[in-house]
Amino acid sequence: MMKDSSVETAAPATASAPPSIGEAIDTQRGNFFPFSIVWFSIVALEISWLAGLSITDTDIWVHLRNAQELLTRHSFLHADLYTFTSAGAPLLDHEWLSELPYYFAFQAWGLHGLLAMYMVLLWLIFGAVYYLALRRGANCGDAALVTMAGVALGYYCFGSRMYHFGWLCLAVLLLVLDRFQRTGEGLWLLPLLFAVWINLHGSWVFGLVVMGIYIVSGLVEGQWNNVVAERWTPAQLKKLLLVSAASAVALLANPYGYKLVWYPFDLLFRQQVNLDNMAEWQSVDFHSGYGKLAMGMVLAVLGAAWFSPKPWKLGDILLAVFAVWASLSHIRFLLFAAILLVPMLGPRLQLFPPYAGKKDKPWLNLAVTAAIVAIIVGSYPSTTQLQDTLDSYFPRDALHFMQQKQITGRLFHYFAFGGYIEWYDPALKAFVDQRTDIFVYNGVLDDYFKIAKIDRSLELLDQYKIDYVLFPVNKQLTYVLDHSAGWRTIYEDKVAKLYQRVPAAATTLKVQAK
């Protein structure tokens, strides 16, 4: 192990000297309800409040349908069953294991189940990084403030999303690596973790990158200004390499074999239409609210690097650079950045004095936490509130109208409506849905964006023999259809308009009277 020549002679212990990290955590363990729990309950309150604002995620419906098909057919999906544009196209249900808990929660408690499921996932994720910040020596108040900032940074990624299971696996990975670094134990859990992770979400790739950075940063030894590196012992390095190899092999423990392992790379190299057009794959816009939070993240990292007296581990620097690059390149990775950065920045904030376990008041802590929990429970949205929020975004009434009129023709619809239609009206075949890969391969997704963006819209609607169009009001396409002799409105509300093709009518724009 490295010998740090820069270590100064230890000062004699005094009564006012702050406790060590281990002493502080041991003191909290001896306290049946430490103050750190109060602080995290505040973090949980923030998560709960923000979670209630994000129930309208568009992806959840196709995932519920996938889970329903799996449990009904007792076999994994291998071909598209939901659309007329890609019927029978080969596919991978690459998040099948994440879909099941959401499906069971929805079957048991409806919209409340969806909200509760992803709230609990976020509590676990941020609870893990909060604990890691404490383990690294942060005061519980400092750790909580940084964690709350991380929650705000990751808010863009809130919603009933399958990738929360993947980020939970990432948090577990960080906990295991932290334990190995401290005790040399626990590394055997990682192959099991990756065997589960591959079936939950494609973010397992980020786990391998984190492990790779963790290993590489220990191949050198030395100190460069405020950066330190400590070399792995031969025994440690052997364990890390063997476990990494076993974790890679464990990825094959899935129902699709090597194809599921290749899927994240397929997304990167073959799904350019998806990456170019979907908002979550775009780079951060610094003019937006999320962009300003991302800029704050960058400034916080730079400030910590410049002003903090604590030395930086080489591995932390490499992980911070990777996290910032990934999240600024694709806004959907802001939550990933928060998970990695919170444990690094928490110990460097130092706004609060060291934890004084002897002065702690566990019964008062319990009472305050109980009050916060009561606020969380009392502010939990009602079924009516959740349904109203959902109905303000999805075309429930328009879909009811189509069911009443027994409309079964070919439907072109807004992208976000695809999974919703497939879940609530399985008999009506969709044009496209959130399983973007299969629609990229056959060109359907590209055609969707051309129609939506008024690029040969009427021509492509004719080409696909579309009978009906269901689209939000005040969109470019609705303006074109409103002024086309070939289409007429048969239903309209505040959310969507339903158009029907006019038989044998010319598909030209109406000439406006001057």
Protein backbone atom coordinates (compact mmCIF):
# COMPACT_ATOMS: atom_id res chain seq x y z
CA MET A 1 0.00 0.00 0.00
CA MET A 2 1.11 3.57 -0.63
CA LYS A 3 2.95 5.48 2.06
CA ASP A 4 1.88 9.14 2.06
CA SER A 5 4.97 11.24 2.65
CA SER A 6 2.86 14.36 3.01
CA VAL A 7 1.14 13.27 6.22
CA GLU A 8 1.91 15.71 9.02
CA THR A 9 2.68 14.75 12.61
CA ALA A 10 -0.59 14.13 14.40
CA ALA A 11 -1.63 16.78 16.90
CA PRO A 12 -2.29 15.64 20.44
CA ALA A 13 -5.90 14.76 21.14
CA THR A 14 -7.95 17.37 22.95
CA ALA A 15 -11.42 17.47 24.34
CA SER A 16 -12.52 19.70 21.47
CA ALA A 17 -11.12 17.51 18.70
CA PRO A 18 -13.83 16.31 16.33
CA PRO A 19 -14.61 12.59 16.32
CA SER A 20 -13.28 10.40 13.56
CA ILE A 21 -15.60 9.06 10.88
CA GLY A 22 -15.72 5.66 12.53
CA GLU A 23 -16.36 7.14 15.97
CA ALA A 24 -19.16 9.35 14.65
CA ILE A 25 -20.91 6.44 12.90
CA ASP A 26 -20.42 4.15 15.91
CA THR A 27 -21.98 6.83 18.11
CA GLN A 28 -24.99 7.04 15.80
CA ARG A 29 -25.33 3.26 15.83
CA GLY A 30 -25.49 3.37 19.61
CA ASN A 31 -28.29 5.91 19.39
CA PHE A 32 -31.58 4.19 18.59
CA PHE A 33 -32.79 7.20 16.58
CA PRO A 34 -29.88 9.46 15.51
CA PHE A 35 -30.21 12.96 14.09
CA SER A 36 -29.06 11.71 10.67
CA ILE A 37 -32.48 10.06 10.20
CA VAL A 38 -34.19 13.41 10.77
CA TRP A 39 -32.13 14.96 8.04
CA PHE A 40 -32.88 12.15 5.62
CA SER A 41 -36.60 12.41 6.34
CA ILE A 42 -36.34 15.97 4.99
CA VAL A 43 -34.72 14.55 1.85
CA ALA A 44 -37.56 12.01 1.62
CA LEU A 45 -40.08 14.84 1.92
CA GLU A 46 -38.48 16.65 -1.02
CA ILE A 47 -38.55 13.45 -3.08
CA SER A 48 -42.21 12.86 -2.22
CA TRP A 49 -43.24 16.38 -3.19
CA LEU A 50 -41.40 16.29 -6.51
CA ALA A 51 -42.55 12.74 -7.28
CA GLY A 52 -46.20 13.76 -7.11
CA LEU A 53 -45.57 16.24 -9.92
CA SER A 54 -44.23 13.59 -12.32
CA ILE A 55 -46.96 10.97 -12.61
CA THR A 56 -47.49 11.65 -16.33
CA ASP A 57 -44.53 9.65 -17.62
CA THR A 58 -45.34 8.32 -21.09
CA ASP A 59 -43.29 5.11 -21.03
CA ILE A 60 -45.08 3.30 -18.22
CA TRP A 61 -48.07 2.11 -20.26
CA VAL A 62 -46.15 0.02 -22.75
CA HIS A 63 -44.19 -1.49 -19.85
CA LEU A 64 -47.44 -2.46 -18.13
CA ARG A 65 -48.63 -4.04 -21.35
CA ASN A 66 -45.37 -5.97 -21.70
CA ALA A 67 -45.67 -7.31 -18.15
CA GLN A 68 -49.28 -8.29 -18.77
CA GLU A 69 -48.33 -10.18 -21.92
CA LEU A 70 -45.48 -11.96 -20.14
CA LEU A 71 -47.72 -13.10 -17.28
CA THR A 72 -50.57 -14.04 -19.60
CA ARG A 73 -48.57 -15.90 -22.23
CA HIS A 74 -45.94 -17.26 -19.81
CA SER A 75 -43.26 -16.55 -22.38
CA PHE A 76 -40.92 -13.66 -23.10
CA LEU A 77 -41.78 -11.26 -25.88
CA HIS A 78 -39.85 -11.73 -29.11
CA ALA A 79 -42.04 -9.91 -31.64
CA ASP A 80 -44.21 -6.79 -31.77
CA LEU A 81 -47.88 -7.43 -30.99
CA TYR A 82 -49.17 -3.90 -30.50
CA THR A 83 -48.77 -1.91 -33.73
CA PHE A 84 -49.83 -2.22 -37.36
CA THR A 85 -46.64 -0.58 -38.64
CA SER A 86 -44.24 -3.11 -37.09
CA ALA A 87 -46.40 -6.16 -36.41
CA GLY A 88 -44.25 -9.25 -36.01
CA ALA A 89 -40.99 -7.30 -35.96
CA PRO A 90 -38.38 -8.98 -33.72
CA LEU A 91 -37.77 -7.21 -30.41
CA LEU A 92 -36.11 -7.53 -27.03
CA ASP A 93 -38.07 -6.72 -23.89
CA HIS A 94 -34.85 -5.48 -22.34
CA GLU A 95 -36.46 -4.19 -19.11
CA TRP A 96 -38.78 -7.11 -18.42
CA LEU A 97 -37.78 -7.58 -14.79
CA SER A 98 -38.33 -3.90 -13.94
CA GLU A 99 -41.78 -4.01 -15.52
CA LEU A 100 -43.12 -6.69 -13.17
CA PRO A 101 -42.98 -4.71 -9.87
CA TYR A 102 -44.69 -1.74 -11.53
CA TYR A 103 -47.36 -4.03 -12.96
CA PHE A 104 -48.06 -5.67 -9.60
CA ALA A 105 -48.16 -2.26 -7.91
CA PHE A 106 -50.60 -0.91 -10.50
CA GLN A 107 -52.81 -3.99 -10.25
CA ALA A 108 -52.92 -3.64 -6.46
CA TRP A 109 -53.24 0.14 -6.01
CA GLY A 110 -53.67 1.72 -9.44
CA LEU A 111 -52.02 5.10 -9.95
CA HIS A 112 -51.13 5.21 -6.25
CA GLY A 113 -49.12 2.04 -6.80
CA LEU A 114 -47.14 3.55 -9.66
CA LEU A 115 -46.35 6.65 -7.62
CA ALA A 116 -45.46 4.66 -4.50
CA MET A 117 -43.19 2.31 -6.45
CA TYR A 118 -40.99 4.96 -7.92
CA MET A 119 -41.01 7.05 -4.74
CA VAL A 120 -39.64 4.07 -2.80
CA LEU A 121 -37.00 3.49 -5.48
CA LEU A 122 -35.88 7.11 -5.23
CA TRP A 123 -35.82 6.93 -1.43
CA LEU A 124 -33.57 3.87 -1.64
CA ILE A 125 -31.28 5.43 -4.24
CA PHE A 126 -30.79 8.71 -2.42
CA GLY A 127 -30.71 6.96 0.95
CA ALA A 128 -27.73 4.96 -0.30
CA VAL A 129 -25.78 7.99 -1.55
CA TYR A 130 -26.64 9.91 1.64
CA TYR A 131 -25.21 7.03 3.66
CA LEU A 132 -22.10 6.98 1.47
CA ALA A 133 -21.59 10.70 2.11
CA LEU A 134 -21.79 10.01 5.85
CA ARG A 135 -19.33 7.14 5.51
CA ARG A 136 -16.91 9.50 3.83
CA GLY A 137 -17.03 11.87 6.79
CA ALA A 138 -19.80 14.34 5.96
CA ASN A 139 -21.86 15.85 8.74
CA CYS A 140 -25.45 14.63 8.41
CA GLY A 141 -26.65 18.18 7.71
CA ASP A 142 -24.07 18.70 4.97
CA ALA A 143 -24.81 15.27 3.50
CA ALA A 144 -28.54 16.02 3.50
CA LEU A 145 -28.14 19.42 1.80
CA VAL A 146 -25.97 17.94 -0.94
CA THR A 147 -28.40 15.05 -1.34
CA MET A 148 -31.30 17.48 -1.66
CA ALA A 149 -29.37 19.31 -4.37
CA GLY A 150 -28.84 15.94 -6.06
CA VAL A 151 -32.59 15.27 -5.90
CA ALA A 152 -33.28 18.61 -7.61
CA LEU A 153 -30.62 17.87 -10.24
CA GLY A 154 -32.13 14.46 -10.97
CA TYR A 155 -35.74 15.69 -11.06
CA TYR A 156 -35.78 15.57 -14.86
CA CYS A 157 -35.48 11.79 -14.53
CA PHE A 158 -38.42 11.40 -12.16
CA GLY A 159 -41.48 9.41 -13.14
CA SER A 160 -42.46 5.76 -13.34
CA ARG A 161 -39.30 4.87 -15.25
CA MET A 162 -37.59 1.50 -15.46
CA TYR A 163 -34.12 3.03 -15.24
CA HIS A 164 -34.65 3.75 -11.55
CA PHE A 165 -34.06 0.05 -10.92
CA GLY A 166 -30.79 0.39 -12.83
CA TRP A 167 -29.70 3.40 -10.79
CA LEU A 168 -30.58 1.51 -7.61
CA CYS A 169 -28.18 -1.20 -8.77
CA LEU A 170 -25.55 1.50 -9.31
CA ALA A 171 -26.06 2.70 -5.74
CA VAL A 172 -25.63 -0.89 -4.49
CA LEU A 173 -22.45 -1.17 -6.56
CA LEU A 174 -21.04 1.96 -4.91
CA LEU A 175 -21.89 0.57 -1.47
CA VAL A 176 -20.17 -2.74 -2.23
CA LEU A 177 -17.05 -1.03 -3.61
CA ASP A 178 -16.92 1.27 -0.57
CA ARG A 179 -17.12 -1.72 1.76
CA PHE A 180 -14.40 -3.54 -0.17
CA GLN A 181 -12.11 -0.53 0.05
CA ARG A 182 -12.62 -0.32 3.82
CA THR A 183 -12.70 -4.00 4.77
CA GLY A 184 -11.61 -6.04 1.76
CA GLU A 185 -14.91 -7.95 1.88
CA GLY A 186 -18.23 -8.14 0.05
CA LEU A 187 -16.97 -8.12 -3.53
CA TRP A 188 -18.56 -11.51 -4.26
CA LEU A 189 -21.97 -9.81 -4.42
CA LEU A 190 -21.16 -8.06 -7.70
CA PRO A 191 -21.67 -10.98 -10.14
CA LEU A 192 -25.10 -11.54 -8.57
CA LEU A 193 -25.82 -7.83 -8.87
CA PHE A 194 -24.96 -7.75 -12.58
CA ALA A 195 -26.97 -10.91 -13.24
CA VAL A 196 -30.01 -9.05 -11.92
CA TRP A 197 -29.06 -5.67 -13.41
CA ILE A 198 -28.92 -6.95 -17.01
CA ASN A 199 -32.59 -7.93 -16.73
CA LEU A 200 -33.64 -4.64 -15.15
CA HIS A 201 -32.11 -2.01 -17.41
CA GLY A 202 -29.31 -1.32 -19.87
CA SER A 203 -27.55 1.01 -17.43
CA TRP A 204 -25.43 -1.96 -16.33
CA VAL A 205 -22.92 -0.56 -18.84
CA PHE A 206 -22.38 2.38 -16.51
CA GLY A 207 -21.73 -0.10 -13.72
CA LEU A 208 -18.91 -1.69 -15.69
CA VAL A 209 -17.46 1.74 -16.47
CA VAL A 210 -17.54 2.66 -12.76
CA MET A 211 -15.81 -0.62 -11.90
CA GLY A 212 -13.24 -0.04 -14.62
CA ILE A 213 -12.43 3.46 -13.32
CA TYR A 214 -12.29 2.08 -9.78
CA ILE A 215 -9.74 -0.56 -10.82
CA VAL A 216 -7.62 1.65 -13.09
CA SER A 217 -7.32 4.40 -10.48
CA GLY A 218 -5.59 1.90 -8.19
CA LEU A 219 -2.93 0.91 -10.71
CA VAL A 220 -0.84 3.97 -9.89
CA GLU A 221 0.48 5.43 -6.68
CA GLY A 222 1.51 8.92 -5.71
CA GLN A 223 0.39 12.41 -4.80
CA TRP A 224 0.08 15.33 -7.22
CA ASN A 225 -0.81 18.56 -5.41
CA ASN A 226 -4.27 17.81 -3.99
CA VAL A 227 -4.72 14.51 -5.85
CA VAL A 228 -3.75 11.20 -4.29
CA ALA A 229 -3.71 7.66 -5.59
CA GLU A 230 -3.13 4.45 -3.69
CA ARG A 231 -2.06 1.29 -5.46
CA TRP A 232 -4.00 -1.95 -5.04
CA THR A 233 -2.18 -4.79 -3.37
CA PRO A 234 -1.71 -7.85 -5.62
CA ALA A 235 -4.42 -9.68 -3.65
CA GLN A 236 -6.88 -6.81 -3.99
CA LEU A 237 -6.23 -6.43 -7.71
CA LYS A 238 -6.66 -10.16 -8.28
CA LYS A 239 -10.04 -10.10 -6.51
CA LEU A 240 -11.19 -7.09 -8.50
CA LEU A 241 -10.20 -8.59 -11.85
CA LEU A 242 -11.76 -11.98 -11.08
CA VAL A 243 -15.01 -10.41 -9.88
CA SER A 244 -15.12 -8.11 -12.93
CA ALA A 245 -14.71 -11.09 -15.24
CA ALA A 246 -17.38 -13.04 -13.33
CA SER A 247 -19.70 -10.01 -13.53
CA ALA A 248 -19.24 -9.82 -17.29
CA VAL A 249 -20.09 -13.51 -17.64
CA ALA A 250 -23.11 -13.05 -15.35
CA LEU A 251 -24.60 -10.67 -17.92
CA LEU A 252 -25.50 -13.71 -20.01
CA ALA A 253 -28.00 -14.78 -17.33
CA ASN A 254 -30.96 -13.36 -19.24
CA PRO A 255 -33.71 -14.71 -21.51
CA TYR A 256 -32.24 -13.16 -24.68
CA GLY A 257 -28.61 -14.19 -24.31
CA TYR A 258 -25.90 -12.14 -26.01
CA LYS A 259 -28.49 -9.98 -27.81
CA LEU A 260 -29.51 -8.32 -24.56
CA VAL A 261 -25.84 -7.69 -23.70
CA TRP A 262 -25.37 -6.03 -27.08
CA TYR A 263 -28.52 -3.90 -26.84
CA PRO A 264 -26.97 -0.73 -25.26
CA PHE A 265 -24.38 -0.69 -28.04
CA ASP A 266 -27.10 -1.21 -30.62
CA LEU A 267 -28.79 1.89 -29.20
CA LEU A 268 -25.57 3.85 -29.56
CA PHE A 269 -24.67 2.74 -33.09
CA ARG A 270 -27.97 1.94 -34.86
CA GLN A 271 -30.65 4.15 -33.32
CA GLN A 272 -29.51 7.59 -34.40
CA VAL A 273 -33.07 8.75 -35.17
CA ASN A 274 -33.97 8.01 -31.56
CA LEU A 275 -30.93 9.86 -30.18
CA ASP A 276 -31.47 12.84 -32.48
CA ASN A 277 -35.17 13.40 -31.79
CA MET A 278 -36.04 12.29 -28.25
CA ALA A 279 -35.75 15.11 -25.71
CA GLU A 280 -34.12 13.01 -23.01
CA TRP A 281 -31.23 12.12 -25.31
CA GLN A 282 -30.42 15.75 -26.09
CA SER A 283 -27.58 17.65 -24.49
CA VAL A 284 -28.30 20.02 -21.63
CA ASP A 285 -29.75 23.40 -22.59
CA PHE A 286 -28.23 25.88 -20.14
CA HIS A 287 -31.11 28.31 -20.75
CA SER A 288 -33.57 25.87 -19.16
CA GLY A 289 -34.15 25.25 -15.46
CA TYR A 290 -32.44 21.86 -15.68
CA GLY A 291 -29.56 23.50 -17.52
CA LYS A 292 -29.09 25.99 -14.70
CA LEU A 293 -29.07 23.13 -12.19
CA ALA A 294 -26.51 21.33 -14.33
CA MET A 295 -24.38 24.46 -14.41
CA GLY A 296 -24.64 24.57 -10.63
CA MET A 297 -23.41 20.97 -10.56
CA VAL A 298 -20.37 21.87 -12.65
CA LEU A 299 -19.61 24.92 -10.50
CA ALA A 300 -20.01 22.85 -7.31
CA VAL A 301 -17.49 20.30 -8.56
CA LEU A 302 -15.04 23.00 -9.58
CA GLY A 303 -15.53 24.87 -6.32
CA ALA A 304 -14.97 21.73 -4.29
CA ALA A 305 -11.83 20.98 -6.26
CA TRP A 306 -10.49 24.49 -5.76
CA PHE A 307 -11.50 25.42 -2.21
CA SER A 308 -11.79 22.12 -0.32
CA PRO A 309 -8.71 21.27 1.76
CA LYS A 310 -9.53 17.57 1.54
CA PRO A 311 -7.38 15.71 -0.99
CA TRP A 312 -9.13 14.21 -4.01
CA LYS A 313 -8.76 10.54 -4.78
CA LEU A 314 -7.81 9.91 -8.37
CA GLY A 315 -10.79 7.57 -8.79
CA ASP A 316 -13.20 10.28 -7.61
CA ILE A 317 -11.80 12.76 -10.12
CA LEU A 318 -12.19 10.29 -12.99
CA LEU A 319 -15.74 9.41 -11.91
CA ALA A 320 -16.69 13.08 -11.53
CA VAL A 321 -15.40 13.86 -15.02
CA PHE A 322 -17.33 10.92 -16.47
CA ALA A 323 -20.52 11.87 -14.60
CA VAL A 324 -20.38 15.51 -15.73
CA TRP A 325 -19.62 14.55 -19.34
CA ALA A 326 -22.42 11.95 -19.52
CA SER A 327 -25.05 14.20 -17.93
CA LEU A 328 -24.22 17.26 -20.02
CA SER A 329 -24.21 15.16 -23.20
CA HIS A 330 -27.58 13.55 -22.47
CA ILE A 331 -29.99 15.16 -20.03
CA ARG A 332 -31.43 11.79 -18.98
CA PHE A 333 -28.16 11.09 -17.11
CA LEU A 334 -28.49 13.97 -14.66
CA LEU A 335 -29.68 11.50 -12.03
CA PHE A 336 -26.65 9.32 -12.72
CA ALA A 337 -24.42 12.33 -12.09
CA ALA A 338 -26.22 13.10 -8.83
CA ILE A 339 -25.67 9.54 -7.57
CA LEU A 340 -21.93 9.72 -8.19
CA LEU A 341 -21.34 13.30 -7.03
CA VAL A 342 -23.32 13.42 -3.76
CA PRO A 343 -20.89 11.15 -1.82
CA MET A 344 -17.94 13.17 -3.15
CA LEU A 345 -19.29 16.66 -2.42
CA GLY A 346 -21.03 15.96 0.92
CA PRO A 347 -17.82 15.75 2.99
CA ARG A 348 -16.48 18.94 1.37
CA LEU A 349 -19.38 21.25 2.20
CA GLN A 350 -18.65 21.66 5.94
CA LEU A 351 -21.45 24.09 6.81
CA PHE A 352 -22.34 22.25 10.01
CA PRO A 353 -20.15 21.29 12.99
CA PRO A 354 -19.18 17.63 13.50
CA TYR A 355 -21.90 15.32 14.77
CA ALA A 356 -22.07 15.36 18.60
CA GLY A 357 -23.64 12.06 19.53
CA LYS A 358 -23.64 12.79 23.27
CA LYS A 359 -25.87 15.82 22.75
CA ASP A 360 -28.31 14.00 20.50
CA LYS A 361 -31.93 13.63 21.64
CA PRO A 362 -33.30 10.41 20.10
CA TRP A 363 -36.89 10.87 21.31
CA LEU A 364 -37.01 14.39 19.87
CA ASN A 365 -35.52 13.04 16.64
CA LEU A 366 -38.22 10.39 16.53
CA ALA A 367 -40.96 12.96 17.09
CA VAL A 368 -39.66 15.28 14.36
CA THR A 369 -39.30 12.41 11.91
CA ALA A 370 -42.81 11.21 12.73
CA ALA A 371 -44.13 14.70 11.99
CA ILE A 372 -42.35 14.74 8.63
CA VAL A 373 -43.69 11.29 7.80
CA ALA A 374 -47.18 12.53 8.67
CA ILE A 375 -46.69 15.43 6.24
CA ILE A 376 -45.60 12.98 3.52
CA VAL A 377 -48.63 10.78 4.10
CA GLY A 378 -51.02 13.71 4.41
CA SER A 379 -49.79 15.34 1.20
CA TYR A 380 -49.95 12.14 -0.82
CA PRO A 381 -52.11 12.89 -3.87
CA SER A 382 -55.62 11.49 -3.91
CA THR A 383 -56.86 9.19 -6.67
CA THR A 384 -58.84 12.08 -8.14
CA GLN A 385 -55.78 14.35 -8.19
CA LEU A 386 -53.65 11.71 -9.88
CA GLN A 387 -56.34 10.93 -12.43
CA ASP A 388 -56.90 14.62 -13.20
CA THR A 389 -53.17 15.10 -13.73
CA LEU A 390 -53.10 12.10 -16.03
CA ASP A 391 -56.18 13.22 -17.96
CA SER A 392 -54.63 16.62 -18.59
CA TYR A 393 -51.92 14.93 -20.64
CA PHE A 394 -53.36 11.71 -22.07
CA PRO A 395 -56.45 11.46 -24.35
CA ARG A 396 -58.76 9.47 -22.07
CA ASP A 397 -62.00 11.07 -23.32
CA ALA A 398 -60.95 10.86 -26.96
CA LEU A 399 -60.18 7.17 -26.50
CA HIS A 400 -63.59 6.63 -24.90
CA PHE A 401 -65.18 8.33 -27.89
CA MET A 402 -63.33 6.00 -30.27
CA GLN A 403 -64.44 2.98 -28.27
CA GLN A 404 -68.07 4.11 -28.24
CA LYS A 405 -68.01 4.71 -32.00
CA GLN A 406 -66.18 1.41 -32.51
CA ILE A 407 -63.42 3.10 -34.48
CA THR A 408 -60.91 0.49 -35.59
CA GLY A 409 -59.25 1.98 -38.67
CA ARG A 410 -55.60 2.81 -39.05
CA LEU A 411 -54.64 5.49 -36.52
CA PHE A 412 -51.78 7.96 -36.60
CA HIS A 413 -51.25 9.49 -33.16
CA TYR A 414 -48.95 11.60 -31.05
CA PHE A 415 -45.87 9.61 -29.99
CA ALA A 416 -46.56 10.01 -26.27
CA PHE A 417 -50.05 8.49 -26.72
CA GLY A 418 -48.77 5.16 -28.09
CA GLY A 419 -48.32 3.13 -24.93
CA TYR A 420 -51.44 4.68 -23.37
CA ILE A 421 -53.55 3.49 -26.32
CA GLU A 422 -52.00 0.02 -26.19
CA TRP A 423 -52.76 -0.33 -22.48
CA TYR A 424 -56.28 1.09 -22.36
CA ASP A 425 -57.49 -0.11 -25.77
CA PRO A 426 -55.47 -3.18 -26.80
CA ALA A 427 -57.80 -3.87 -29.73
CA LEU A 428 -56.77 -0.59 -31.39
CA LYS A 429 -53.40 -1.06 -33.08
CA ALA A 430 -51.02 1.85 -32.53
CA PHE A 431 -48.78 3.53 -35.10
CA VAL A 432 -45.72 3.82 -32.85
CA ASP A 433 -44.90 3.58 -29.15
CA GLN A 434 -42.06 4.06 -26.68
CA ARG A 435 -40.19 0.92 -27.81
CA THR A 436 -38.32 3.14 -30.21
CA ASP A 437 -35.77 0.58 -31.43
CA ILE A 438 -38.10 -1.50 -33.59
CA PHE A 439 -39.49 1.64 -35.24
CA VAL A 440 -36.00 2.93 -35.97
CA TYR A 441 -35.02 -0.27 -37.78
CA ASN A 442 -37.91 -0.18 -40.27
CA GLY A 443 -38.00 3.59 -40.77
CA VAL A 444 -41.36 4.14 -39.05
CA LEU A 445 -39.93 6.46 -36.39
CA ASP A 446 -38.29 8.63 -39.02
CA ASP A 447 -41.60 8.84 -40.90
CA TYR A 448 -43.42 9.70 -37.67
CA PHE A 449 -41.18 12.73 -37.12
CA LYS A 450 -41.56 13.79 -40.75
CA ILE A 451 -45.35 13.75 -40.40
CA ALA A 452 -45.32 15.51 -37.03
CA LYS A 453 -42.88 18.15 -38.24
CA ILE A 454 -44.78 18.85 -41.49
CA ASP A 455 -42.36 17.19 -43.87
CA ARG A 456 -44.53 15.52 -46.54
CA SER A 457 -47.18 14.96 -43.88
CA LEU A 458 -50.20 14.42 -46.13
CA GLU A 459 -48.21 12.28 -48.54
CA LEU A 460 -46.99 9.98 -45.76
CA LEU A 461 -50.46 9.75 -44.19
CA ASP A 462 -51.66 8.55 -47.59
CA GLN A 463 -48.74 6.17 -47.91
CA TYR A 464 -49.56 4.50 -44.58
CA LYS A 465 -53.30 4.51 -45.49
CA ILE A 466 -54.16 6.35 -42.27
CA ASP A 467 -57.89 6.64 -41.53
CA TYR A 468 -57.72 8.66 -38.30
CA VAL A 469 -55.29 11.06 -36.63
CA LEU A 470 -55.24 11.67 -32.87
CA PHE A 471 -53.00 14.59 -31.94
CA PRO A 472 -52.74 17.29 -29.27
CA VAL A 473 -54.29 20.65 -30.00
CA ASN A 474 -52.09 23.55 -31.09
CA LYS A 475 -49.50 21.41 -32.85
CA GLN A 476 -48.15 21.95 -36.35
CA LEU A 477 -49.88 18.85 -37.68
CA THR A 478 -53.27 19.87 -36.29
CA TYR A 479 -52.97 23.20 -38.09
CA VAL A 480 -52.31 21.40 -41.39
CA LEU A 481 -55.21 19.00 -40.91
CA ASP A 482 -57.54 21.83 -39.87
CA HIS A 483 -56.83 23.45 -43.25
CA SER A 484 -56.89 20.30 -45.35
CA ALA A 485 -59.91 19.34 -47.45
CA GLY A 486 -59.01 15.69 -46.96
CA TRP A 487 -59.58 15.64 -43.18
CA ARG A 488 -62.35 16.63 -40.81
CA THR A 489 -62.52 16.90 -37.02
CA ILE A 490 -64.88 14.38 -35.40
CA TYR A 491 -63.86 14.92 -31.77
CA GLU A 492 -62.08 17.67 -29.83
CA ASP A 493 -61.34 18.52 -26.21
CA LYS A 494 -58.62 20.39 -24.32
CA VAL A 495 -56.13 17.56 -24.71
CA ALA A 496 -56.50 16.19 -28.23
CA LYS A 497 -58.29 16.38 -31.57
CA LEU A 498 -59.44 13.35 -33.55
CA TYR A 499 -59.51 13.67 -37.34
CA GLN A 500 -61.14 11.37 -39.86
CA ARG A 501 -60.14 11.10 -43.48
CA VAL A 502 -62.74 12.51 -45.86
CA PRO A 503 -63.42 9.87 -48.54
CA ALA A 504 -62.33 10.80 -52.05
CA ALA A 505 -61.39 14.34 -51.03
CA ALA A 506 -58.35 16.17 -52.28
CA THR A 507 -55.51 16.43 -49.77
CA THR A 508 -54.70 20.04 -50.43
CA LEU A 509 -54.79 23.00 -48.10
CA LYS A 510 -57.92 25.09 -48.11
CA VAL A 511 -57.58 28.44 -49.74
CA GLN A 512 -58.17 31.06 -47.09
CA ALA A 513 -60.67 33.78 -47.93
CA LYS A 514 -59.09 37.18 -48.04
